[in-house]
Amino acid sequence: MNREINNKKELKEELGQLIKFNRKAKGESQRGLARAIDVPNSNLKYIEDGINAPSFEIYKKIMIELNPNSKDREKMDYLYSRIRGTPPPDICEFMLANNEIFVSIRKNKCKLTRTQTEKLNTLLEAFAKENIDNLEEINNG
């Protein structure tokens, strides 16, 4: 993240620009994306113009439809989280599906160090690979 943005208006504008950029990169019209995520075109225009921020459900639908690259997704999730004060929808859903880890998370009152974050990322990536491997094994037979 290049610079820290604290102003919600700037955050919404930057998120809107990224949504618009990714929409155009997919060759999708504003009207087409609005139809795909089931919102009036004017609502999507206000989001892209940085006037409004997408709700939880709308952001989730936008991410599914646009499927941005990992760099854009990371930036968009960061902006969404700063605006809404909550993790992105897919992270919230993961946490709710795995609520047994709430206690462990709550015990960590401080921000994780860089080393701790790297270790946690490595562990979570290993779990993701294991889950993907298990799904492939089930699908293959």
Protein backbone atom coordinates (compact mmCIF):
# COMPACT_ATOMS: atom_id res chain seq x y z
CA MET A 1 0.00 0.00 0.00
CA ASN A 2 1.74 3.12 -1.23
CA ARG A 3 0.34 5.69 1.15
CA GLU A 4 -2.05 5.64 4.06
CA ILE A 5 -5.42 7.14 3.20
CA ASN A 6 -7.54 8.23 6.14
CA ASN A 7 -10.22 10.28 4.43
CA LYS A 8 -13.26 8.06 3.68
CA LYS A 9 -14.11 10.12 0.63
CA GLU A 10 -10.67 9.41 -0.84
CA LEU A 11 -10.99 5.74 0.09
CA LYS A 12 -14.36 5.49 -1.68
CA GLU A 13 -13.02 7.31 -4.74
CA GLU A 14 -10.02 4.99 -5.00
CA LEU A 15 -12.17 1.88 -4.53
CA GLY A 16 -14.61 3.16 -7.16
CA GLN A 17 -11.76 3.77 -9.61
CA LEU A 18 -10.43 0.25 -9.10
CA ILE A 19 -13.89 -1.25 -9.62
CA LYS A 20 -14.32 0.81 -12.80
CA PHE A 21 -10.83 -0.11 -14.05
CA ASN A 22 -11.45 -3.82 -13.48
CA ARG A 23 -14.91 -3.62 -15.06
CA LYS A 24 -13.47 -2.01 -18.17
CA ALA A 25 -10.58 -4.50 -18.24
CA LYS A 26 -13.18 -7.29 -18.42
CA GLY A 27 -14.87 -5.49 -21.31
CA GLU A 28 -18.04 -5.04 -19.27
CA SER A 29 -20.28 -2.01 -19.50
CA GLN A 30 -21.48 -0.27 -16.37
CA ARG A 31 -25.04 -1.26 -17.23
CA GLY A 32 -23.97 -4.89 -17.81
CA LEU A 33 -22.20 -5.16 -14.46
CA ALA A 34 -25.11 -3.46 -12.69
CA ARG A 35 -27.46 -6.02 -14.23
CA ALA A 36 -25.14 -8.91 -13.27
CA ILE A 37 -24.98 -7.82 -9.61
CA ASP A 38 -28.69 -6.92 -9.55
CA VAL A 39 -28.47 -3.22 -8.70
CA PRO A 40 -29.77 -0.17 -10.56
CA ASN A 41 -27.16 1.33 -12.88
CA SER A 42 -27.27 4.55 -10.86
CA ASN A 43 -26.15 2.68 -7.72
CA LEU A 44 -23.10 1.26 -9.51
CA LYS A 45 -22.34 4.71 -10.97
CA TYR A 46 -22.34 6.21 -7.46
CA ILE A 47 -19.97 3.45 -6.29
CA GLU A 48 -17.60 3.94 -9.24
CA ASP A 49 -17.71 7.72 -8.78
CA GLY A 50 -16.75 7.31 -5.10
CA ILE A 51 -19.97 8.83 -3.80
CA ASN A 52 -21.13 5.62 -2.13
CA ALA A 53 -19.30 2.55 -0.91
CA PRO A 54 -20.66 -0.87 -1.79
CA SER A 55 -22.55 -2.79 0.88
CA PHE A 56 -21.35 -6.20 2.04
CA GLU A 57 -23.57 -8.05 -0.46
CA ILE A 58 -22.85 -5.73 -3.38
CA TYR A 59 -19.08 -5.83 -2.78
CA LYS A 60 -19.25 -9.63 -2.67
CA LYS A 61 -21.13 -9.73 -5.98
CA ILE A 62 -18.73 -7.24 -7.60
CA MET A 63 -15.73 -9.35 -6.57
CA ILE A 64 -17.34 -12.51 -7.94
CA GLU A 65 -18.21 -10.85 -11.26
CA LEU A 66 -14.94 -8.98 -11.79
CA ASN A 67 -12.58 -11.55 -10.26
CA PRO A 68 -9.72 -9.01 -10.10
CA ASN A 69 -6.08 -10.05 -10.12
CA SER A 70 -4.51 -10.62 -6.69
CA LYS A 71 -2.82 -7.19 -6.54
CA ASP A 72 -6.04 -5.32 -7.34
CA ARG A 73 -8.06 -7.61 -5.05
CA GLU A 74 -5.68 -6.93 -2.16
CA LYS A 75 -5.95 -3.17 -2.68
CA MET A 76 -9.74 -3.31 -3.10
CA ASP A 77 -10.15 -5.41 0.06
CA TYR A 78 -7.91 -3.00 1.96
CA LEU A 79 -9.99 -0.01 0.83
CA TYR A 80 -13.30 -1.78 1.51
CA SER A 81 -12.12 -2.73 4.99
CA ARG A 82 -10.96 0.80 5.79
CA ILE A 83 -14.28 2.25 4.59
CA ARG A 84 -16.59 -0.29 6.25
CA GLY A 85 -14.48 -1.12 9.31
CA THR A 86 -14.93 -4.83 8.65
CA PRO A 87 -13.07 -7.51 6.72
CA PRO A 88 -14.21 -8.27 3.17
CA PRO A 89 -17.23 -10.60 2.78
CA ASP A 90 -15.28 -13.74 1.90
CA ILE A 91 -13.10 -13.33 5.00
CA CYS A 92 -16.16 -12.79 7.21
CA GLU A 93 -17.76 -15.92 5.76
CA PHE A 94 -14.56 -17.92 6.37
CA MET A 95 -14.47 -16.75 9.97
CA LEU A 96 -18.12 -17.63 10.53
CA ALA A 97 -17.57 -21.08 8.99
CA ASN A 98 -14.59 -21.59 11.31
CA ASN A 99 -15.83 -19.92 14.48
CA GLU A 100 -13.87 -22.37 16.64
CA ILE A 101 -10.82 -20.14 16.11
CA PHE A 102 -12.45 -17.06 17.66
CA VAL A 103 -11.04 -17.90 21.12
CA SER A 104 -7.49 -18.21 19.78
CA ILE A 105 -7.80 -14.95 17.87
CA ARG A 106 -9.21 -13.15 20.91
CA LYS A 107 -6.20 -14.20 23.00
CA ASN A 108 -3.96 -12.16 20.68
CA LYS A 109 -4.49 -8.66 22.02
CA CYS A 110 -1.59 -7.13 20.06
CA LYS A 111 -0.88 -6.74 16.40
CA LEU A 112 1.10 -9.69 15.06
CA THR A 113 4.73 -9.13 14.22
CA ARG A 114 5.88 -9.49 10.60
CA THR A 115 7.42 -12.88 11.44
CA GLN A 116 4.21 -14.05 13.13
CA THR A 117 2.16 -12.90 10.17
CA GLU A 118 4.47 -14.75 7.76
CA LYS A 119 4.15 -17.93 9.85
CA LEU A 120 0.36 -17.62 9.96
CA ASN A 121 0.23 -17.02 6.20
CA THR A 122 2.40 -20.09 5.57
CA LEU A 123 0.15 -22.22 7.77
CA LEU A 124 -3.07 -20.96 6.13
CA GLU A 125 -1.61 -21.48 2.65
CA ALA A 126 -0.71 -25.05 3.61
CA PHE A 127 -4.29 -25.62 4.77
CA ALA A 128 -5.60 -24.19 1.49
CA LYS A 129 -3.35 -26.51 -0.53
CA GLU A 130 -4.40 -29.48 1.59
CA ASN A 131 -8.09 -28.62 1.04
CA ILE A 132 -7.60 -28.22 -2.72
CA ASP A 133 -5.72 -31.55 -2.87
CA ASN A 134 -8.53 -33.24 -0.93
CA LEU A 135 -11.17 -31.81 -3.28
CA GLU A 136 -9.21 -32.98 -6.33
CA GLU A 137 -8.88 -36.44 -4.81
CA ILE A 138 -12.64 -36.59 -4.18
CA ASN A 139 -13.42 -35.34 -7.70
CA ASN A 140 -11.00 -37.81 -9.31
CA GLY A 141 -12.35 -40.65 -7.57
